[in-house]
Amino acid sequence: MNDLIQTFSVYALPIVFAITLHEAAHAYAAKYFGDNTAYAQGRMSLNPIKHIDPIGTLLIPIVLYFAGSPFLFGYAKPVPVVFGNLRNPKKQMAFVAFAGPLANLVMALMWMVFGICLAAFGVQEDFFMRMAQAGVITNLVIFAFNLFPVPPLDGGRIVSSILPNRYAYKFDKLEPYGFFIVIGLVVLKVLHYWMVPVMTVAGKALQLLVFPLTFLLS
């Protein structure tokens, strides 16, 4: 029980930030490209309560933790986007979809910088260092998971945007089954072969970005 409480306290803030800014980024991008649906429903907000889903945000990560899953992930309430309201739906759908994962990548970078600064200034409090590490990992997991190319995940939206219309129409028919496909891949431990390479490449890219800061502070 103590381990669970410690894990929760370390991951709580990074997860709240990760899901909140992910969904808010979708809403901001949608409004920028012409769809005010999320804005009108109050979802273009940094208030986490607006985005938390009891099952996806709380229950699923807890179940995965006790099941010993190598990855803890969840989801927030999807931001409503009417793609037909976008000025150029076919093209801009990809930008709206990618806005969420991009927000997670930026947050992973910020947590990485936070950890580097803690080490550089000799902060000895282990809790904050673990939180910084949790922030990086959490956001990389959400980044990779959401880019998995199955609708309704963001990666699926991006693929649909790229495909010619006749193929995109057929591909979009997977959406009602997308959640079950992903859960099946998790249970079969197949999703691991997507998550690890994407997280590794993204993590290495972020390390290259922060290298000058690491060098200056070392």
N, C-alpha and C. Protein backbone atom coordinates (compact mmCIF):
# COMPACT_ATOMS: atom_id res chain seq x y z
N MET A 1 0.82 -1.21 0.00
CA MET A 1 0.00 0.00 0.00
C MET A 1 0.86 1.26 0.00
N ASN A 2 1.96 1.21 0.79
CA ASN A 2 2.88 2.37 0.83
C ASN A 2 3.49 2.63 -0.54
N ASP A 3 3.83 1.54 -1.26
CA ASP A 3 4.40 1.69 -2.60
C ASP A 3 3.40 2.35 -3.54
N LEU A 4 2.12 1.97 -3.40
CA LEU A 4 1.08 2.55 -4.25
C LEU A 4 0.91 4.04 -3.96
N ILE A 5 0.92 4.39 -2.66
CA ILE A 5 0.77 5.80 -2.27
C ILE A 5 1.94 6.63 -2.78
N GLN A 6 3.16 6.08 -2.67
CA GLN A 6 4.34 6.79 -3.14
C GLN A 6 4.30 6.97 -4.66
N THR A 7 3.92 5.91 -5.36
CA THR A 7 3.83 5.99 -6.81
C THR A 7 2.79 7.01 -7.23
N PHE A 8 1.65 6.99 -6.55
CA PHE A 8 0.57 7.94 -6.86
C PHE A 8 1.04 9.37 -6.63
N SER A 9 1.72 9.63 -5.51
CA SER A 9 2.15 10.99 -5.20
C SER A 9 3.18 11.50 -6.20
N VAL A 10 4.02 10.61 -6.70
CA VAL A 10 5.05 11.00 -7.67
C VAL A 10 4.44 11.26 -9.05
N TYR A 11 3.49 10.43 -9.44
CA TYR A 11 2.94 10.51 -10.79
C TYR A 11 1.72 11.40 -10.92
N ALA A 12 1.08 11.75 -9.80
CA ALA A 12 -0.19 12.48 -9.86
C ALA A 12 -0.07 13.78 -10.66
N LEU A 13 0.86 14.63 -10.29
CA LEU A 13 1.00 15.92 -10.96
C LEU A 13 1.40 15.78 -12.43
N PRO A 14 2.41 14.95 -12.75
CA PRO A 14 2.75 14.78 -14.17
C PRO A 14 1.58 14.26 -15.00
N ILE A 15 0.80 13.33 -14.47
CA ILE A 15 -0.33 12.78 -15.23
C ILE A 15 -1.40 13.84 -15.45
N VAL A 16 -1.72 14.60 -14.40
CA VAL A 16 -2.74 15.64 -14.52
C VAL A 16 -2.33 16.67 -15.57
N PHE A 17 -1.08 17.12 -15.51
CA PHE A 17 -0.59 18.06 -16.51
C PHE A 17 -0.61 17.44 -17.91
N ALA A 18 -0.21 16.19 -18.00
CA ALA A 18 -0.08 15.53 -19.30
C ALA A 18 -1.43 15.43 -20.01
N ILE A 19 -2.45 14.97 -19.29
CA ILE A 19 -3.75 14.79 -19.94
C ILE A 19 -4.45 16.12 -20.16
N THR A 20 -4.27 17.05 -19.23
CA THR A 20 -4.94 18.35 -19.35
C THR A 20 -4.41 19.13 -20.54
N LEU A 21 -3.10 19.25 -20.64
CA LEU A 21 -2.52 20.03 -21.73
C LEU A 21 -2.67 19.31 -23.07
N HIS A 22 -2.70 17.98 -23.04
CA HIS A 22 -2.93 17.22 -24.28
C HIS A 22 -4.29 17.59 -24.87
N GLU A 23 -5.33 17.53 -24.04
CA GLU A 23 -6.68 17.81 -24.54
C GLU A 23 -6.85 19.30 -24.86
N ALA A 24 -6.28 20.16 -24.02
CA ALA A 24 -6.38 21.60 -24.27
C ALA A 24 -5.71 21.96 -25.59
N ALA A 25 -4.60 21.27 -25.91
CA ALA A 25 -3.90 21.54 -27.17
C ALA A 25 -4.77 21.19 -28.36
N HIS A 26 -5.52 20.08 -28.27
CA HIS A 26 -6.46 19.74 -29.33
C HIS A 26 -7.49 20.86 -29.52
N ALA A 27 -8.01 21.34 -28.38
CA ALA A 27 -9.05 22.38 -28.43
C ALA A 27 -8.50 23.68 -29.03
N TYR A 28 -7.30 24.08 -28.61
CA TYR A 28 -6.69 25.30 -29.14
C TYR A 28 -6.44 25.17 -30.65
N ALA A 29 -5.94 24.01 -31.08
CA ALA A 29 -5.66 23.80 -32.49
C ALA A 29 -6.95 23.82 -33.30
N ALA A 30 -7.99 23.17 -32.79
CA ALA A 30 -9.27 23.14 -33.50
C ALA A 30 -9.82 24.55 -33.67
N LYS A 31 -9.76 25.35 -32.60
CA LYS A 31 -10.26 26.73 -32.69
C LYS A 31 -9.43 27.54 -33.67
N TYR A 32 -8.12 27.33 -33.66
CA TYR A 32 -7.24 28.07 -34.56
C TYR A 32 -7.58 27.79 -36.02
N PHE A 33 -7.97 26.53 -36.30
CA PHE A 33 -8.26 26.15 -37.69
C PHE A 33 -9.74 26.28 -38.04
N GLY A 34 -10.54 26.81 -37.10
CA GLY A 34 -11.91 27.16 -37.48
C GLY A 34 -13.04 26.46 -36.77
N ASP A 35 -12.76 25.49 -35.89
CA ASP A 35 -13.85 24.79 -35.20
C ASP A 35 -13.93 25.25 -33.74
N ASN A 36 -15.03 25.87 -33.38
CA ASN A 36 -15.21 26.41 -32.03
C ASN A 36 -15.98 25.48 -31.10
N THR A 37 -16.18 24.22 -31.50
CA THR A 37 -17.00 23.30 -30.71
C THR A 37 -16.45 23.12 -29.29
N ALA A 38 -15.18 22.79 -29.18
CA ALA A 38 -14.58 22.57 -27.87
C ALA A 38 -14.57 23.85 -27.05
N TYR A 39 -14.31 24.96 -27.70
CA TYR A 39 -14.30 26.26 -27.02
C TYR A 39 -15.68 26.57 -26.46
N ALA A 40 -16.71 26.31 -27.25
CA ALA A 40 -18.08 26.60 -26.82
C ALA A 40 -18.51 25.72 -25.66
N GLN A 41 -17.93 24.53 -25.55
CA GLN A 41 -18.28 23.61 -24.47
C GLN A 41 -17.34 23.73 -23.26
N GLY A 42 -16.49 24.75 -23.27
CA GLY A 42 -15.61 24.99 -22.15
C GLY A 42 -14.44 24.03 -22.04
N ARG A 43 -14.11 23.35 -23.14
CA ARG A 43 -13.03 22.38 -23.10
C ARG A 43 -11.67 22.98 -23.48
N MET A 44 -11.66 24.21 -23.94
CA MET A 44 -10.38 24.87 -24.21
C MET A 44 -9.90 25.48 -22.91
N SER A 45 -9.54 24.59 -21.99
CA SER A 45 -9.28 25.00 -20.61
C SER A 45 -8.10 24.24 -20.04
N LEU A 46 -7.39 24.88 -19.12
CA LEU A 46 -6.30 24.22 -18.40
C LEU A 46 -6.78 23.68 -17.05
N ASN A 47 -8.08 23.71 -16.83
CA ASN A 47 -8.66 23.13 -15.62
C ASN A 47 -8.77 21.62 -15.80
N PRO A 48 -8.01 20.82 -15.03
CA PRO A 48 -8.02 19.36 -15.24
C PRO A 48 -9.38 18.72 -15.04
N ILE A 49 -10.23 19.31 -14.21
CA ILE A 49 -11.55 18.73 -13.96
C ILE A 49 -12.36 18.67 -15.25
N LYS A 50 -12.10 19.60 -16.16
CA LYS A 50 -12.82 19.63 -17.43
C LYS A 50 -12.48 18.43 -18.32
N HIS A 51 -11.34 17.80 -18.06
CA HIS A 51 -10.83 16.78 -18.97
C HIS A 51 -10.77 15.38 -18.36
N ILE A 52 -10.86 15.26 -17.04
CA ILE A 52 -10.70 13.96 -16.39
C ILE A 52 -11.88 13.04 -16.69
N ASP A 53 -11.56 11.82 -17.07
CA ASP A 53 -12.56 10.78 -17.28
C ASP A 53 -12.37 9.74 -16.18
N PRO A 54 -13.41 9.43 -15.40
CA PRO A 54 -13.26 8.51 -14.26
C PRO A 54 -12.67 7.15 -14.65
N ILE A 55 -13.05 6.65 -15.80
CA ILE A 55 -12.55 5.33 -16.22
C ILE A 55 -11.17 5.45 -16.84
N GLY A 56 -11.05 6.31 -17.85
CA GLY A 56 -9.79 6.39 -18.60
C GLY A 56 -8.65 7.03 -17.82
N THR A 57 -8.97 8.01 -16.97
CA THR A 57 -7.93 8.73 -16.26
C THR A 57 -7.56 8.07 -14.94
N LEU A 58 -8.52 7.42 -14.30
CA LEU A 58 -8.29 6.86 -12.97
C LEU A 58 -8.29 5.33 -12.95
N LEU A 59 -9.38 4.73 -13.41
CA LEU A 59 -9.54 3.28 -13.26
C LEU A 59 -8.53 2.49 -14.08
N ILE A 60 -8.40 2.81 -15.37
CA ILE A 60 -7.51 2.03 -16.24
C ILE A 60 -6.06 2.06 -15.78
N PRO A 61 -5.47 3.24 -15.45
CA PRO A 61 -4.09 3.23 -14.95
C PRO A 61 -3.91 2.40 -13.67
N ILE A 62 -4.90 2.44 -12.77
CA ILE A 62 -4.81 1.67 -11.52
C ILE A 62 -4.85 0.18 -11.82
N VAL A 63 -5.76 -0.23 -12.72
CA VAL A 63 -5.87 -1.65 -13.09
C VAL A 63 -4.58 -2.12 -13.74
N LEU A 64 -4.02 -1.31 -14.65
CA LEU A 64 -2.76 -1.68 -15.32
C LEU A 64 -1.62 -1.79 -14.32
N TYR A 65 -1.63 -0.92 -13.31
CA TYR A 65 -0.57 -0.95 -12.27
C TYR A 65 -0.61 -2.28 -11.53
N PHE A 66 -1.80 -2.68 -11.09
CA PHE A 66 -1.91 -3.92 -10.33
C PHE A 66 -1.75 -5.15 -11.21
N ALA A 67 -1.99 -4.99 -12.51
CA ALA A 67 -1.82 -6.10 -13.44
C ALA A 67 -0.36 -6.28 -13.85
N GLY A 68 0.49 -5.36 -13.41
CA GLY A 68 1.90 -5.45 -13.74
C GLY A 68 2.25 -5.06 -15.15
N SER A 69 1.43 -4.21 -15.77
CA SER A 69 1.69 -3.77 -17.14
C SER A 69 3.00 -2.98 -17.21
N PRO A 70 3.81 -3.20 -18.26
CA PRO A 70 5.06 -2.44 -18.39
C PRO A 70 4.83 -0.95 -18.65
N PHE A 71 3.60 -0.61 -19.10
CA PHE A 71 3.26 0.79 -19.36
C PHE A 71 1.97 1.14 -18.64
N LEU A 72 1.98 2.30 -17.99
CA LEU A 72 0.75 2.82 -17.42
C LEU A 72 0.25 3.94 -18.32
N PHE A 73 -0.94 3.81 -18.82
CA PHE A 73 -1.49 4.87 -19.65
C PHE A 73 -2.99 4.95 -19.43
N GLY A 74 -3.55 6.03 -19.86
CA GLY A 74 -4.98 6.23 -19.75
C GLY A 74 -5.39 7.28 -20.75
N TYR A 75 -6.57 7.80 -20.57
CA TYR A 75 -7.03 8.83 -21.49
C TYR A 75 -7.99 9.77 -20.78
N ALA A 76 -8.12 10.94 -21.31
CA ALA A 76 -9.06 11.92 -20.78
C ALA A 76 -10.32 11.91 -21.64
N LYS A 77 -11.31 12.71 -21.25
CA LYS A 77 -12.49 12.85 -22.09
C LYS A 77 -12.06 13.49 -23.40
N PRO A 78 -12.34 12.83 -24.52
CA PRO A 78 -11.91 13.40 -25.81
C PRO A 78 -12.52 14.79 -26.04
N VAL A 79 -11.70 15.68 -26.54
CA VAL A 79 -12.20 17.01 -26.89
C VAL A 79 -13.07 16.89 -28.14
N PRO A 80 -14.28 17.44 -28.11
CA PRO A 80 -15.15 17.36 -29.29
C PRO A 80 -14.64 18.25 -30.42
N VAL A 81 -14.40 17.64 -31.56
CA VAL A 81 -13.95 18.39 -32.74
C VAL A 81 -14.85 18.00 -33.91
N VAL A 82 -15.47 18.99 -34.53
CA VAL A 82 -16.24 18.76 -35.75
C VAL A 82 -15.32 19.10 -36.92
N PHE A 83 -14.70 18.08 -37.49
CA PHE A 83 -13.68 18.31 -38.50
C PHE A 83 -14.24 19.03 -39.73
N GLY A 84 -15.54 18.88 -39.97
CA GLY A 84 -16.15 19.57 -41.10
C GLY A 84 -16.15 21.08 -40.94
N ASN A 85 -15.97 21.56 -39.69
CA ASN A 85 -15.93 23.00 -39.45
C ASN A 85 -14.55 23.60 -39.73
N LEU A 86 -13.54 22.76 -39.88
CA LEU A 86 -12.20 23.26 -40.15
C LEU A 86 -12.16 23.88 -41.55
N ARG A 87 -11.29 24.86 -41.71
CA ARG A 87 -11.23 25.55 -43.00
C ARG A 87 -10.78 24.61 -44.13
N ASN A 88 -9.89 23.69 -43.79
CA ASN A 88 -9.44 22.67 -44.74
C ASN A 88 -9.43 21.34 -44.00
N PRO A 89 -10.61 20.70 -43.88
CA PRO A 89 -10.74 19.51 -43.01
C PRO A 89 -9.73 18.40 -43.29
N LYS A 90 -9.54 18.07 -44.53
CA LYS A 90 -8.67 16.93 -44.87
C LYS A 90 -7.24 17.15 -44.39
N LYS A 91 -6.72 18.34 -44.59
CA LYS A 91 -5.34 18.64 -44.22
C LYS A 91 -5.22 18.99 -42.75
N GLN A 92 -6.12 19.83 -42.26
CA GLN A 92 -5.97 20.36 -40.91
C GLN A 92 -6.37 19.37 -39.82
N MET A 93 -7.09 18.32 -40.18
CA MET A 93 -7.40 17.26 -39.22
C MET A 93 -6.11 16.68 -38.63
N ALA A 94 -5.09 16.55 -39.45
CA ALA A 94 -3.82 16.00 -38.97
C ALA A 94 -3.16 16.95 -37.98
N PHE A 95 -3.23 18.25 -38.22
CA PHE A 95 -2.63 19.22 -37.31
C PHE A 95 -3.35 19.24 -35.97
N VAL A 96 -4.68 19.17 -36.01
CA VAL A 96 -5.46 19.14 -34.77
C VAL A 96 -5.13 17.87 -33.98
N ALA A 97 -5.03 16.74 -34.69
CA ALA A 97 -4.73 15.47 -34.03
C ALA A 97 -3.32 15.47 -33.42
N PHE A 98 -2.36 16.03 -34.16
CA PHE A 98 -0.96 16.00 -33.69
C PHE A 98 -0.71 17.00 -32.56
N ALA A 99 -1.60 17.98 -32.40
CA ALA A 99 -1.40 19.00 -31.36
C ALA A 99 -1.29 18.38 -29.97
N GLY A 100 -2.10 17.35 -29.70
CA GLY A 100 -2.07 16.72 -28.38
C GLY A 100 -0.74 16.03 -28.09
N PRO A 101 -0.31 15.09 -28.95
CA PRO A 101 1.00 14.46 -28.74
C PRO A 101 2.15 15.46 -28.72
N LEU A 102 2.06 16.51 -29.54
CA LEU A 102 3.11 17.51 -29.54
C LEU A 102 3.18 18.21 -28.19
N ALA A 103 2.03 18.48 -27.58
CA ALA A 103 2.01 19.08 -26.24
C ALA A 103 2.71 18.17 -25.24
N ASN A 104 2.51 16.85 -25.37
CA ASN A 104 3.18 15.90 -24.47
C ASN A 104 4.68 15.88 -24.69
N LEU A 105 5.10 16.01 -25.94
CA LEU A 105 6.53 16.04 -26.23
C LEU A 105 7.17 17.28 -25.62
N VAL A 106 6.49 18.41 -25.72
CA VAL A 106 7.00 19.65 -25.12
C VAL A 106 7.07 19.52 -23.61
N MET A 107 6.04 18.91 -23.01
CA MET A 107 6.06 18.73 -21.56
C MET A 107 7.16 17.79 -21.11
N ALA A 108 7.41 16.74 -21.90
CA ALA A 108 8.52 15.83 -21.58
C ALA A 108 9.84 16.61 -21.57
N LEU A 109 9.99 17.52 -22.53
CA LEU A 109 11.18 18.36 -22.59
C LEU A 109 11.29 19.25 -21.35
N MET A 110 10.18 19.82 -20.94
CA MET A 110 10.18 20.70 -19.77
C MET A 110 10.52 19.94 -18.48
N TRP A 111 9.96 18.73 -18.33
CA TRP A 111 10.29 17.91 -17.17
C TRP A 111 11.77 17.51 -17.20
N MET A 112 12.30 17.26 -18.39
CA MET A 112 13.71 16.90 -18.52
C MET A 112 14.60 18.06 -18.09
N VAL A 113 14.23 19.26 -18.52
CA VAL A 113 14.97 20.46 -18.13
C VAL A 113 14.88 20.66 -16.62
N PHE A 114 13.70 20.42 -16.07
CA PHE A 114 13.50 20.54 -14.62
C PHE A 114 14.44 19.60 -13.87
N GLY A 115 14.53 18.36 -14.34
CA GLY A 115 15.42 17.39 -13.71
C GLY A 115 16.88 17.78 -13.81
N ILE A 116 17.28 18.31 -14.97
CA ILE A 116 18.66 18.75 -15.16
C ILE A 116 19.00 19.90 -14.20
N CYS A 117 18.07 20.82 -14.04
CA CYS A 117 18.27 21.96 -13.13
C CYS A 117 18.35 21.50 -11.68
N LEU A 118 17.52 20.53 -11.31
CA LEU A 118 17.59 19.99 -9.95
C LEU A 118 18.97 19.42 -9.66
N ALA A 119 19.48 18.63 -10.60
CA ALA A 119 20.79 18.01 -10.42
C ALA A 119 21.90 19.06 -10.41
N ALA A 120 21.79 20.06 -11.30
CA ALA A 120 22.83 21.08 -11.41
C ALA A 120 22.93 21.94 -10.16
N PHE A 121 21.80 22.22 -9.54
CA PHE A 121 21.79 23.06 -8.34
C PHE A 121 21.86 22.26 -7.04
N GLY A 122 22.13 20.97 -7.18
CA GLY A 122 22.37 20.14 -6.01
C GLY A 122 21.17 19.89 -5.13
N VAL A 123 20.00 19.89 -5.69
CA VAL A 123 18.79 19.59 -4.90
C VAL A 123 18.81 18.11 -4.53
N GLN A 124 18.79 17.83 -3.25
CA GLN A 124 18.95 16.47 -2.76
C GLN A 124 17.62 15.75 -2.53
N GLU A 125 16.51 16.46 -2.65
CA GLU A 125 15.21 15.86 -2.39
C GLU A 125 14.86 14.85 -3.49
N ASP A 126 14.85 13.57 -3.12
CA ASP A 126 14.62 12.50 -4.09
C ASP A 126 13.23 12.58 -4.71
N PHE A 127 12.24 13.08 -3.96
CA PHE A 127 10.86 13.13 -4.45
C PHE A 127 10.76 13.95 -5.73
N PHE A 128 11.40 15.10 -5.77
CA PHE A 128 11.30 15.97 -6.93
C PHE A 128 12.03 15.39 -8.15
N MET A 129 13.15 14.72 -7.89
CA MET A 129 13.86 14.08 -9.00
C MET A 129 13.04 12.95 -9.59
N ARG A 130 12.39 12.18 -8.72
CA ARG A 130 11.52 11.10 -9.19
C ARG A 130 10.32 11.67 -9.95
N MET A 131 9.81 12.80 -9.50
CA MET A 131 8.69 13.43 -10.19
C MET A 131 9.11 13.91 -11.58
N ALA A 132 10.32 14.46 -11.68
CA ALA A 132 10.82 14.90 -12.99
C ALA A 132 10.95 13.71 -13.94
N GLN A 133 11.48 12.61 -13.42
CA GLN A 133 11.60 11.40 -14.24
C GLN A 133 10.23 10.88 -14.65
N ALA A 134 9.29 10.91 -13.69
CA ALA A 134 7.92 10.47 -13.98
C ALA A 134 7.29 11.36 -15.04
N GLY A 135 7.57 12.66 -14.98
CA GLY A 135 7.03 13.59 -15.97
C GLY A 135 7.51 13.27 -17.37
N VAL A 136 8.80 12.94 -17.49
CA VAL A 136 9.36 12.59 -18.79
C VAL A 136 8.73 11.30 -19.30
N ILE A 137 8.72 10.28 -18.45
CA ILE A 137 8.20 8.97 -18.87
C ILE A 137 6.72 9.04 -19.21
N THR A 138 5.94 9.69 -18.33
CA THR A 138 4.50 9.79 -18.55
C THR A 138 4.18 10.43 -19.89
N ASN A 139 4.83 11.53 -20.18
CA ASN A 139 4.55 12.24 -21.42
C ASN A 139 5.05 11.49 -22.65
N LEU A 140 6.16 10.78 -22.53
CA LEU A 140 6.62 9.98 -23.66
C LEU A 140 5.68 8.81 -23.92
N VAL A 141 5.14 8.22 -22.84
CA VAL A 141 4.17 7.13 -22.99
C VAL A 141 2.92 7.63 -23.69
N ILE A 142 2.39 8.76 -23.23
CA ILE A 142 1.17 9.31 -23.83
C ILE A 142 1.43 9.74 -25.27
N PHE A 143 2.60 10.31 -25.52
CA PHE A 143 2.99 10.70 -26.88
C PHE A 143 2.96 9.49 -27.81
N ALA A 144 3.66 8.41 -27.41
CA ALA A 144 3.75 7.22 -28.26
C ALA A 144 2.41 6.52 -28.40
N PHE A 145 1.69 6.40 -27.29
CA PHE A 145 0.41 5.69 -27.31
C PHE A 145 -0.59 6.37 -28.24
N ASN A 146 -0.69 7.69 -28.14
CA ASN A 146 -1.67 8.41 -28.94
C ASN A 146 -1.30 8.47 -30.42
N LEU A 147 -0.04 8.25 -30.74
CA LEU A 147 0.37 8.23 -32.15
C LEU A 147 0.19 6.86 -32.79
N PHE A 148 -0.26 5.87 -32.01
CA PHE A 148 -0.49 4.55 -32.60
C PHE A 148 -1.54 4.69 -33.70
N PRO A 149 -1.27 4.19 -34.91
CA PRO A 149 -2.11 4.50 -36.07
C PRO A 149 -3.40 3.70 -36.17
N VAL A 150 -4.25 3.85 -35.16
CA VAL A 150 -5.58 3.24 -35.19
C VAL A 150 -6.58 4.28 -34.71
N PRO A 151 -7.66 4.52 -35.48
CA PRO A 151 -8.67 5.46 -35.00
C PRO A 151 -9.42 4.84 -33.82
N PRO A 152 -9.83 5.62 -32.83
CA PRO A 152 -9.88 7.09 -32.82
C PRO A 152 -8.66 7.76 -32.20
N LEU A 153 -7.55 7.03 -32.02
CA LEU A 153 -6.34 7.66 -31.49
C LEU A 153 -5.82 8.71 -32.48
N ASP A 154 -5.00 9.61 -31.96
CA ASP A 154 -4.50 10.71 -32.79
C ASP A 154 -3.74 10.20 -34.01
N GLY A 155 -2.99 9.12 -33.83
CA GLY A 155 -2.26 8.55 -34.95
C GLY A 155 -3.19 8.09 -36.06
N GLY A 156 -4.35 7.56 -35.66
CA GLY A 156 -5.34 7.15 -36.64
C GLY A 156 -5.89 8.32 -37.41
N ARG A 157 -6.12 9.45 -36.71
CA ARG A 157 -6.61 10.66 -37.39
C ARG A 157 -5.58 11.16 -38.39
N ILE A 158 -4.31 11.09 -38.01
CA ILE A 158 -3.25 11.57 -38.90
C ILE A 158 -3.18 10.69 -40.15
N VAL A 159 -3.24 9.38 -39.95
CA VAL A 159 -3.22 8.45 -41.10
C VAL A 159 -4.41 8.71 -42.01
N SER A 160 -5.59 8.90 -41.43
CA SER A 160 -6.80 9.18 -42.22
C SER A 160 -6.65 10.46 -43.02
N SER A 161 -5.97 11.44 -42.45
CA SER A 161 -5.76 12.71 -43.14
C SER A 161 -4.83 12.55 -44.33
N ILE A 162 -3.88 11.64 -44.21
CA ILE A 162 -2.88 11.45 -45.26
C ILE A 162 -3.41 10.57 -46.39
N LEU A 163 -4.23 9.58 -46.04
CA LEU A 163 -4.72 8.64 -47.05
C LEU A 163 -5.65 9.32 -48.06
N PRO A 164 -5.66 8.84 -49.31
CA PRO A 164 -6.67 9.31 -50.28
C PRO A 164 -8.07 9.05 -49.71
N ASN A 165 -9.03 9.83 -50.15
CA ASN A 165 -10.37 9.79 -49.56
C ASN A 165 -10.99 8.40 -49.55
N ARG A 166 -10.86 7.66 -50.64
CA ARG A 166 -11.52 6.35 -50.69
C ARG A 166 -10.91 5.37 -49.70
N TYR A 167 -9.60 5.46 -49.47
CA TYR A 167 -8.95 4.60 -48.49
C TYR A 167 -9.20 5.11 -47.07
N ALA A 168 -9.22 6.42 -46.91
CA ALA A 168 -9.49 7.01 -45.60
C ALA A 168 -10.88 6.60 -45.10
N TYR A 169 -11.84 6.57 -46.03
CA TYR A 169 -13.21 6.19 -45.67
C TYR A 169 -13.25 4.75 -45.13
N LYS A 170 -12.53 3.85 -45.77
CA LYS A 170 -12.48 2.46 -45.32
C LYS A 170 -11.71 2.35 -44.00
N PHE A 171 -10.62 3.09 -43.90
CA PHE A 171 -9.80 3.06 -42.68
C PHE A 171 -10.60 3.57 -41.48
N ASP A 172 -11.41 4.60 -41.68
CA ASP A 172 -12.18 5.18 -40.59
C ASP A 172 -13.24 4.22 -40.04
N LYS A 173 -13.57 3.19 -40.81
CA LYS A 173 -14.55 2.21 -40.33
C LYS A 173 -14.01 1.39 -39.16
N LEU A 174 -12.72 1.46 -38.92
CA LEU A 174 -12.12 0.76 -37.78
C LEU A 174 -12.43 1.45 -36.45
N GLU A 175 -12.86 2.72 -36.50
CA GLU A 175 -13.00 3.52 -35.28
C GLU A 175 -13.85 2.86 -34.19
N PRO A 176 -15.01 2.26 -34.49
CA PRO A 176 -15.80 1.65 -33.40
C PRO A 176 -15.07 0.51 -32.71
N TYR A 177 -14.06 -0.06 -33.39
CA TYR A 177 -13.34 -1.21 -32.83
C TYR A 177 -11.95 -0.83 -32.34
N GLY A 178 -11.57 0.44 -32.52
CA GLY A 178 -10.22 0.87 -32.20
C GLY A 178 -9.81 0.61 -30.78
N PHE A 179 -10.69 0.92 -29.83
CA PHE A 179 -10.38 0.73 -28.42
C PHE A 179 -10.11 -0.75 -28.13
N PHE A 180 -10.93 -1.64 -28.68
CA PHE A 180 -10.78 -3.07 -28.43
C PHE A 180 -9.52 -3.61 -29.10
N ILE A 181 -9.18 -3.05 -30.25
CA ILE A 181 -7.94 -3.44 -30.92
C ILE A 181 -6.73 -3.11 -30.04
N VAL A 182 -6.73 -1.90 -29.50
CA VAL A 182 -5.62 -1.45 -28.67
C VAL A 182 -5.52 -2.30 -27.40
N ILE A 183 -6.66 -2.53 -26.74
CA ILE A 183 -6.65 -3.35 -25.52
C ILE A 183 -6.13 -4.76 -25.83
N GLY A 184 -6.56 -5.31 -26.96
CA GLY A 184 -6.07 -6.62 -27.35
C GLY A 184 -4.56 -6.65 -27.57
N LEU A 185 -4.06 -5.60 -28.20
CA LEU A 185 -2.61 -5.52 -28.43
C LEU A 185 -1.84 -5.35 -27.13
N VAL A 186 -2.46 -4.66 -26.16
CA VAL A 186 -1.83 -4.52 -24.84
C VAL A 186 -1.78 -5.88 -24.15
N VAL A 187 -2.90 -6.59 -24.14
CA VAL A 187 -2.97 -7.89 -23.48
C VAL A 187 -1.99 -8.88 -24.10
N LEU A 188 -1.87 -8.83 -25.43
CA LEU A 188 -0.96 -9.74 -26.14
C LEU A 188 0.49 -9.25 -26.11
N LYS A 189 0.71 -8.10 -25.47
CA LYS A 189 2.05 -7.51 -25.35
C LYS A 189 2.66 -7.18 -26.71
N VAL A 190 1.80 -6.88 -27.68
CA VAL A 190 2.27 -6.50 -29.02
C VAL A 190 2.52 -5.00 -29.10
N LEU A 191 1.71 -4.23 -28.37
CA LEU A 191 1.86 -2.78 -28.42
C LEU A 191 3.25 -2.34 -27.95
N HIS A 192 3.89 -3.18 -27.17
CA HIS A 192 5.25 -2.93 -26.69
C HIS A 192 6.20 -2.64 -27.86
N TYR A 193 5.98 -3.32 -28.99
CA TYR A 193 6.88 -3.18 -30.14
C TYR A 193 6.68 -1.85 -30.87
N TRP A 194 5.60 -1.16 -30.56
CA TRP A 194 5.39 0.19 -31.06
C TRP A 194 5.88 1.21 -30.04
N MET A 195 5.52 0.99 -28.79
CA MET A 195 5.79 1.97 -27.75
C MET A 195 7.29 2.19 -27.54
N VAL A 196 8.04 1.12 -27.40
CA VAL A 196 9.46 1.25 -27.07
C VAL A 196 10.25 2.00 -28.13
N PRO A 197 10.14 1.64 -29.43
CA PRO A 197 10.91 2.41 -30.42
C PRO A 197 10.52 3.88 -30.50
N VAL A 198 9.20 4.17 -30.46
CA VAL A 198 8.77 5.57 -30.55
C VAL A 198 9.25 6.36 -29.34
N MET A 199 9.11 5.78 -28.15
CA MET A 199 9.57 6.46 -26.94
C MET A 199 11.09 6.66 -26.96
N THR A 200 11.80 5.66 -27.44
CA THR A 200 13.27 5.74 -27.49
C THR A 200 13.73 6.85 -28.42
N VAL A 201 13.16 6.88 -29.62
CA VAL A 201 13.54 7.91 -30.60
C VAL A 201 13.19 9.30 -30.06
N ALA A 202 11.99 9.45 -29.50
CA ALA A 202 11.57 10.75 -28.97
C ALA A 202 12.47 11.17 -27.81
N GLY A 203 12.78 10.21 -26.93
CA GLY A 203 13.65 10.51 -25.79
C GLY A 203 15.04 10.94 -26.22
N LYS A 204 15.60 10.26 -27.22
CA LYS A 204 16.93 10.62 -27.72
C LYS A 204 16.91 12.00 -28.36
N ALA A 205 15.83 12.31 -29.08
CA ALA A 205 15.72 13.63 -29.70
C ALA A 205 15.68 14.72 -28.63
N LEU A 206 14.96 14.49 -27.55
CA LEU A 206 14.89 15.47 -26.47
C LEU A 206 16.24 15.62 -25.77
N GLN A 207 16.95 14.52 -25.62
CA GLN A 207 18.28 14.58 -25.00
C GLN A 207 19.24 15.42 -25.84
N LEU A 208 19.11 15.32 -27.15
CA LEU A 208 19.93 16.15 -28.03
C LEU A 208 19.59 17.63 -27.85
N LEU A 209 18.30 17.92 -27.68
CA LEU A 209 17.88 19.31 -27.49
C LEU A 209 18.42 19.90 -26.19
N VAL A 210 18.45 19.10 -25.15
CA VAL A 210 18.88 19.63 -23.84
C VAL A 210 20.38 19.48 -23.63
N PHE A 211 21.08 18.88 -24.58
CA PHE A 211 22.52 18.67 -24.39
C PHE A 211 23.27 19.97 -24.11
N PRO A 212 23.00 21.07 -24.87
CA PRO A 212 23.72 22.33 -24.55
C PRO A 212 23.50 22.78 -23.10
N LEU A 213 22.26 22.64 -22.60
CA LEU A 213 21.99 23.01 -21.22
C LEU A 213 22.72 22.10 -20.25
N THR A 214 22.71 20.81 -20.54
CA THR A 214 23.43 19.85 -19.69
C THR A 214 24.92 20.17 -19.65
N PHE A 215 25.46 20.51 -20.81
CA PHE A 215 26.89 20.83 -20.91
C PHE A 215 27.24 22.09 -20.13
N LEU A 216 26.38 23.12 -20.22
CA LEU A 216 26.63 24.38 -19.53
C LEU A 216 26.56 24.23 -18.01
N LEU A 217 25.64 23.39 -17.55
CA LEU A 217 25.42 23.25 -16.11
C LEU A 217 26.27 22.18 -15.46
N SER A 218 27.00 21.40 -16.29
CA SER A 218 27.80 20.30 -15.74
C SER A 218 29.10 20.84 -15.14
